Amino acid sequence: MLIDTHCHLDFADFDAERDELVARAHAAGVKQMVTISTCVRKLQTLLDLTERYDSVFCSVGTHPNNAGEELDVTADDLVRLAESHEKIVAIGEAGLDYFYDTQKPEDQQTGLRRHIEAARRTRLPLVIHSRSADDDMAAILREETEKGDFPFILHCFSAGQALADAGVELGGYVSFSGILTFPKSEDIREIAQTVPLDRLLVETDAPYLAPKRWRGKRNEPSYVVNTAEVLAEVKAISYEEMARITTENAFRCFSKMKKVA
């Protein structure tokens, strides 16, 4: 069994075959998926998916590239929404994205801190997006942890060793996507070697970043198998052991997520 801990099943890329996509995931051994919020105002679309598919859960939050559009969303709002439905199992994704110059850094940082507060209060993991922002992200995580710990995931990890180390030190999880499998991602594989087994997660970030076996195609949850295979090779353990470990980690991290029979 595997869990795709980060995908975007609400995106229009999947409109034509969502039922088939979920069925393919199940057939590949990907028994549960977490579809991740990018806009709080679109939460109902995610909830509709979780009610349509027993194996799909979701988060609530604002992507950093949408931060300026949802500055009116408070930590109280996030807490209230997170507690409103049994299948909302995470906060986010929120974070810092300095690669795309679409949102003011101060707006992204404000949103991130609100999401951290919500994660601290609900004890639901914060799904963190960090791109080209390693130093600021590490500093904010350390500063906020001093106010009280909170569960979090460094999702789709493609940053440097220092941020991975900070994440592990502060009690977070590190989630690897198809990027891990790319031929030029030797640096990411080297970082993965240093992450303790009990802090590893796997994801697709579908429809983006299909792993090497399906490179160039639209990504989907069933493809997380290839990422888990490569992560097993990196850690010098069997695929079956990696599947067991990352699944156990996912249930520990997403503590509100129930196991679907």
Protein backbone atom coordinates (compact mmCIF):
# COMPACT_ATOMS: atom_id res chain seq x y z
CA MET A 1 0.00 0.00 0.00
CA LEU A 2 1.07 3.56 -0.78
CA ILE A 3 -0.45 6.94 -0.01
CA ASP A 4 -0.10 9.84 -2.43
CA THR A 5 0.22 12.58 0.17
CA HIS A 6 -0.04 15.48 -2.27
CA CYS A 7 -2.01 15.76 -5.50
CA HIS A 8 -4.50 18.18 -7.05
CA LEU A 9 -7.45 16.09 -8.15
CA ASP A 10 -9.66 19.17 -8.48
CA PHE A 11 -7.61 20.55 -11.37
CA ALA A 12 -9.25 20.62 -14.78
CA ASP A 13 -6.53 18.31 -16.15
CA PHE A 14 -8.49 15.41 -14.65
CA ASP A 15 -12.05 16.39 -15.56
CA ALA A 16 -12.36 13.88 -18.40
CA GLU A 17 -11.36 10.77 -16.44
CA ARG A 18 -11.38 11.31 -12.69
CA ASP A 19 -13.11 8.01 -11.96
CA GLU A 20 -10.62 6.10 -14.09
CA LEU A 21 -7.67 7.91 -12.48
CA VAL A 22 -8.78 6.91 -8.97
CA ALA A 23 -9.34 3.34 -10.15
CA ARG A 24 -5.83 3.21 -11.65
CA ALA A 25 -4.38 4.45 -8.39
CA HIS A 26 -6.13 1.72 -6.43
CA ALA A 27 -5.00 -0.92 -8.93
CA ALA A 28 -1.39 0.26 -8.52
CA GLY A 29 -1.60 -0.08 -4.74
CA VAL A 30 -2.10 3.62 -4.05
CA LYS A 31 -5.03 3.15 -1.72
CA GLN A 32 -5.42 6.71 -0.38
CA MET A 33 -4.76 10.21 -1.67
CA VAL A 34 -4.70 13.69 -0.19
CA THR A 35 -5.85 16.36 -2.64
CA ILE A 36 -4.35 19.67 -1.61
CA SER A 37 -6.02 23.06 -1.40
CA THR A 38 -4.57 26.04 -3.26
CA CYS A 39 -7.45 28.47 -2.59
CA VAL A 40 -9.63 28.47 0.50
CA ARG A 41 -12.54 29.77 -1.57
CA LYS A 42 -12.47 26.58 -3.65
CA LEU A 43 -12.65 24.27 -0.63
CA GLN A 44 -16.12 22.98 -1.48
CA THR A 45 -14.79 21.54 -4.74
CA LEU A 46 -12.28 19.49 -2.74
CA LEU A 47 -14.91 18.41 -0.23
CA ASP A 48 -17.13 17.23 -3.08
CA LEU A 49 -14.28 14.99 -4.25
CA THR A 50 -13.73 13.56 -0.76
CA GLU A 51 -17.41 12.73 -0.54
CA ARG A 52 -17.38 11.13 -3.98
CA TYR A 53 -14.34 8.94 -3.28
CA ASP A 54 -13.82 7.18 0.06
CA SER A 55 -10.06 7.04 -0.54
CA VAL A 56 -9.62 10.79 -1.10
CA PHE A 57 -8.97 13.29 1.71
CA CYS A 58 -8.10 16.98 1.49
CA SER A 59 -6.52 20.03 3.09
CA VAL A 60 -7.58 23.67 3.45
CA GLY A 61 -5.30 26.58 2.71
CA THR A 62 -3.87 29.15 0.31
CA HIS A 63 -0.95 28.50 -2.03
CA PRO A 64 1.76 31.19 -1.77
CA ASN A 65 1.18 32.11 -5.40
CA ASN A 66 -2.37 33.05 -4.38
CA ALA A 67 -1.39 34.72 -1.10
CA GLY A 68 -2.40 38.25 -2.06
CA GLU A 69 -5.89 37.17 -3.06
CA GLU A 70 -6.69 35.60 0.31
CA LEU A 71 -5.13 37.93 2.86
CA ASP A 72 -8.58 38.21 4.45
CA VAL A 73 -8.41 34.52 5.45
CA THR A 74 -7.41 34.41 9.11
CA ALA A 75 -6.00 31.63 11.28
CA ASP A 76 -9.41 31.48 12.96
CA ASP A 77 -11.01 30.90 9.56
CA LEU A 78 -8.59 28.07 8.79
CA VAL A 79 -9.18 26.43 12.17
CA ARG A 80 -12.95 26.68 11.80
CA LEU A 81 -12.90 25.19 8.32
CA ALA A 82 -10.43 22.44 9.24
CA GLU A 83 -12.70 21.33 12.06
CA SER A 84 -15.84 21.47 9.92
CA HIS A 85 -15.36 18.20 8.02
CA GLU A 86 -13.90 14.83 8.96
CA LYS A 87 -12.01 14.49 5.69
CA ILE A 88 -10.03 17.72 6.01
CA VAL A 89 -6.78 16.27 7.33
CA ALA A 90 -4.20 19.03 6.75
CA ILE A 91 -3.60 22.78 6.52
CA GLY A 92 -2.19 24.36 3.37
CA GLU A 93 -0.52 24.29 1.07
CA ALA A 94 1.10 27.51 2.20
CA GLY A 95 4.65 28.77 2.10
CA LEU A 96 7.10 30.89 0.17
CA ASP A 97 7.69 30.91 -3.57
CA TYR A 98 10.31 33.43 -4.63
CA PHE A 99 10.86 31.73 -7.98
CA TYR A 100 7.68 33.17 -9.46
CA ASP A 101 7.45 36.92 -8.96
CA THR A 102 3.66 36.98 -8.69
CA GLN A 103 3.08 37.73 -4.99
CA LYS A 104 4.76 40.07 -2.54
CA PRO A 105 7.11 38.20 -0.18
CA GLU A 106 5.52 39.96 2.80
CA ASP A 107 2.07 38.70 1.76
CA GLN A 108 3.39 35.16 1.44
CA GLN A 109 5.05 35.38 4.85
CA THR A 110 1.87 36.72 6.45
CA GLY A 111 -0.12 33.85 4.98
CA LEU A 112 2.47 31.29 6.02
CA ARG A 113 2.42 32.46 9.64
CA ARG A 114 -1.38 32.30 9.73
CA HIS A 115 -1.30 28.76 8.41
CA ILE A 116 1.34 27.83 10.99
CA GLU A 117 -0.91 29.14 13.75
CA ALA A 118 -3.78 27.06 12.39
CA ALA A 119 -1.59 23.95 12.27
CA ARG A 120 -0.43 24.58 15.82
CA ARG A 121 -4.00 24.94 17.09
CA THR A 122 -5.54 22.02 15.17
CA ARG A 123 -2.50 19.71 15.30
CA LEU A 124 -3.09 19.02 11.61
CA PRO A 125 0.07 18.99 9.48
CA LEU A 126 0.92 22.13 7.54
CA VAL A 127 1.78 21.31 3.92
CA ILE A 128 4.64 23.67 3.10
CA HIS A 129 5.54 24.89 -0.38
CA SER A 130 9.06 26.34 -0.47
CA ARG A 131 10.81 27.37 -3.65
CA SER A 132 13.91 29.56 -3.91
CA ALA A 133 13.27 30.64 -0.32
CA ASP A 134 15.38 28.29 1.82
CA ASP A 135 16.82 30.86 4.22
CA ASP A 136 13.57 32.69 4.92
CA MET A 137 11.66 29.43 5.26
CA ALA A 138 14.13 27.96 7.76
CA ALA A 139 14.14 31.19 9.76
CA ILE A 140 10.35 31.36 9.95
CA LEU A 141 10.05 27.69 10.90
CA ARG A 142 12.56 28.14 13.72
CA GLU A 143 10.97 31.38 14.93
CA GLU A 144 7.47 29.94 14.90
CA THR A 145 8.53 26.70 16.57
CA GLU A 146 9.79 28.77 19.50
CA LYS A 147 6.17 29.90 20.02
CA GLY A 148 5.01 26.28 20.10
CA ASP A 149 5.60 23.25 17.93
CA PHE A 150 3.37 22.34 15.00
CA PRO A 151 3.31 19.40 12.58
CA PHE A 152 4.49 20.11 9.05
CA ILE A 153 5.61 18.63 5.74
CA LEU A 154 8.23 20.03 3.39
CA HIS A 155 6.34 19.00 0.28
CA CYS A 156 7.81 18.19 -3.15
CA PHE A 157 11.26 18.66 -1.70
CA SER A 158 13.68 20.30 -4.12
CA ALA A 159 15.55 22.66 -1.78
CA GLY A 160 18.97 22.44 -0.17
CA GLN A 161 20.44 20.27 2.55
CA ALA A 162 20.16 23.00 5.19
CA LEU A 163 16.38 23.26 4.83
CA ALA A 164 15.98 19.48 4.96
CA ASP A 165 18.10 19.41 8.12
CA ALA A 166 16.06 22.20 9.69
CA GLY A 167 12.81 20.44 8.84
CA VAL A 168 13.93 17.19 10.45
CA GLU A 169 15.41 18.99 13.47
CA LEU A 170 12.10 20.77 14.08
CA GLY A 171 10.09 17.57 13.86
CA GLY A 172 8.81 17.83 10.29
CA TYR A 173 8.46 15.35 7.46
CA VAL A 174 10.16 15.56 4.06
CA SER A 175 8.08 14.51 1.06
CA PHE A 176 9.64 13.51 -2.24
CA SER A 177 7.96 13.75 -5.63
CA GLY A 178 8.85 12.65 -9.15
CA ILE A 179 11.73 15.14 -9.08
CA LEU A 180 13.63 12.51 -7.06
CA THR A 181 13.67 10.24 -10.11
CA PHE A 182 15.01 12.73 -12.65
CA PRO A 183 18.51 11.94 -13.97
CA LYS A 184 19.80 15.39 -13.01
CA SER A 185 18.44 15.21 -9.44
CA GLU A 186 21.48 13.55 -7.88
CA ASP A 187 21.61 16.33 -5.28
CA ILE A 188 18.03 15.58 -4.19
CA ARG A 189 18.81 11.87 -3.95
CA GLU A 190 21.83 12.68 -1.79
CA ILE A 191 19.62 14.74 0.52
CA ALA A 192 17.07 11.90 0.66
CA GLN A 193 19.82 9.61 1.92
CA THR A 194 20.19 11.84 4.98
CA VAL A 195 16.49 12.00 5.94
CA PRO A 196 15.56 9.48 8.65
CA LEU A 197 13.24 6.72 7.50
CA ASP A 198 10.54 7.79 9.94
CA ARG A 199 10.34 11.26 8.35
CA LEU A 200 9.89 10.23 4.71
CA LEU A 201 6.75 10.68 2.61
CA VAL A 202 6.03 10.23 -1.10
CA GLU A 203 3.76 12.25 -3.35
CA THR A 204 3.04 13.07 -6.97
CA ASP A 205 2.02 16.76 -6.95
CA ALA A 206 -0.14 15.62 -9.87
CA PRO A 207 -0.83 16.79 -12.51
CA TYR A 208 2.74 18.11 -12.38
CA LEU A 209 6.18 16.45 -12.28
CA ALA A 210 5.58 12.95 -13.58
CA PRO A 211 8.44 10.68 -12.48
CA LYS A 212 11.08 9.42 -14.89
CA ARG A 213 9.12 6.37 -16.09
CA TRP A 214 6.33 8.64 -17.35
CA ARG A 215 8.33 11.83 -17.91
CA GLY A 216 6.55 14.25 -20.22
CA LYS A 217 3.10 12.87 -19.46
CA ARG A 218 0.50 14.35 -17.18
CA ASN A 219 1.15 13.03 -13.71
CA GLU A 220 -1.40 11.08 -11.66
CA PRO A 221 -1.50 9.35 -8.25
CA SER A 222 -0.70 5.87 -9.56
CA TYR A 223 2.70 7.14 -10.70
CA VAL A 224 3.85 7.64 -7.10
CA VAL A 225 4.93 4.00 -7.28
CA ASN A 226 7.98 5.00 -9.35
CA THR A 227 9.00 7.64 -6.82
CA ALA A 228 8.74 5.10 -4.00
CA GLU A 229 10.84 2.63 -6.01
CA VAL A 230 13.63 5.16 -6.49
CA LEU A 231 13.44 6.26 -2.85
CA ALA A 232 13.81 2.62 -1.82
CA GLU A 233 16.93 2.34 -3.99
CA VAL A 234 18.34 5.51 -2.45
CA LYS A 235 17.80 4.14 1.06
CA ALA A 236 18.98 0.63 0.08
CA ILE A 237 15.81 -1.12 1.20
CA SER A 238 13.13 -3.06 -0.66
CA TYR A 239 10.20 -1.37 -2.35
CA GLU A 240 7.84 -3.27 -0.05
CA GLU A 241 9.63 -1.94 3.02
CA MET A 242 9.56 1.60 1.66
CA ALA A 243 5.85 1.31 0.95
CA ARG A 244 5.24 0.12 4.50
CA ILE A 245 7.38 2.85 6.05
CA THR A 246 5.97 5.76 4.07
CA THR A 247 2.42 4.56 4.64
CA GLU A 248 2.98 4.30 8.39
CA ASN A 249 4.56 7.74 8.33
CA ALA A 250 1.60 9.18 6.41
CA PHE A 251 -0.92 7.90 8.93
CA ARG A 252 1.22 9.24 11.78
CA CYS A 253 1.59 12.62 10.10
CA PHE A 254 -2.01 12.92 8.89
CA SER A 255 -3.33 11.75 12.25
CA LYS A 256 -6.93 12.67 11.40
CA MET A 257 -6.94 10.52 8.24
CA LYS A 258 -8.71 7.23 8.71
CA LYS A 259 -7.55 4.07 7.01
CA VAL A 260 -9.97 3.07 4.28
CA ALA A 261 -10.74 -0.64 4.25
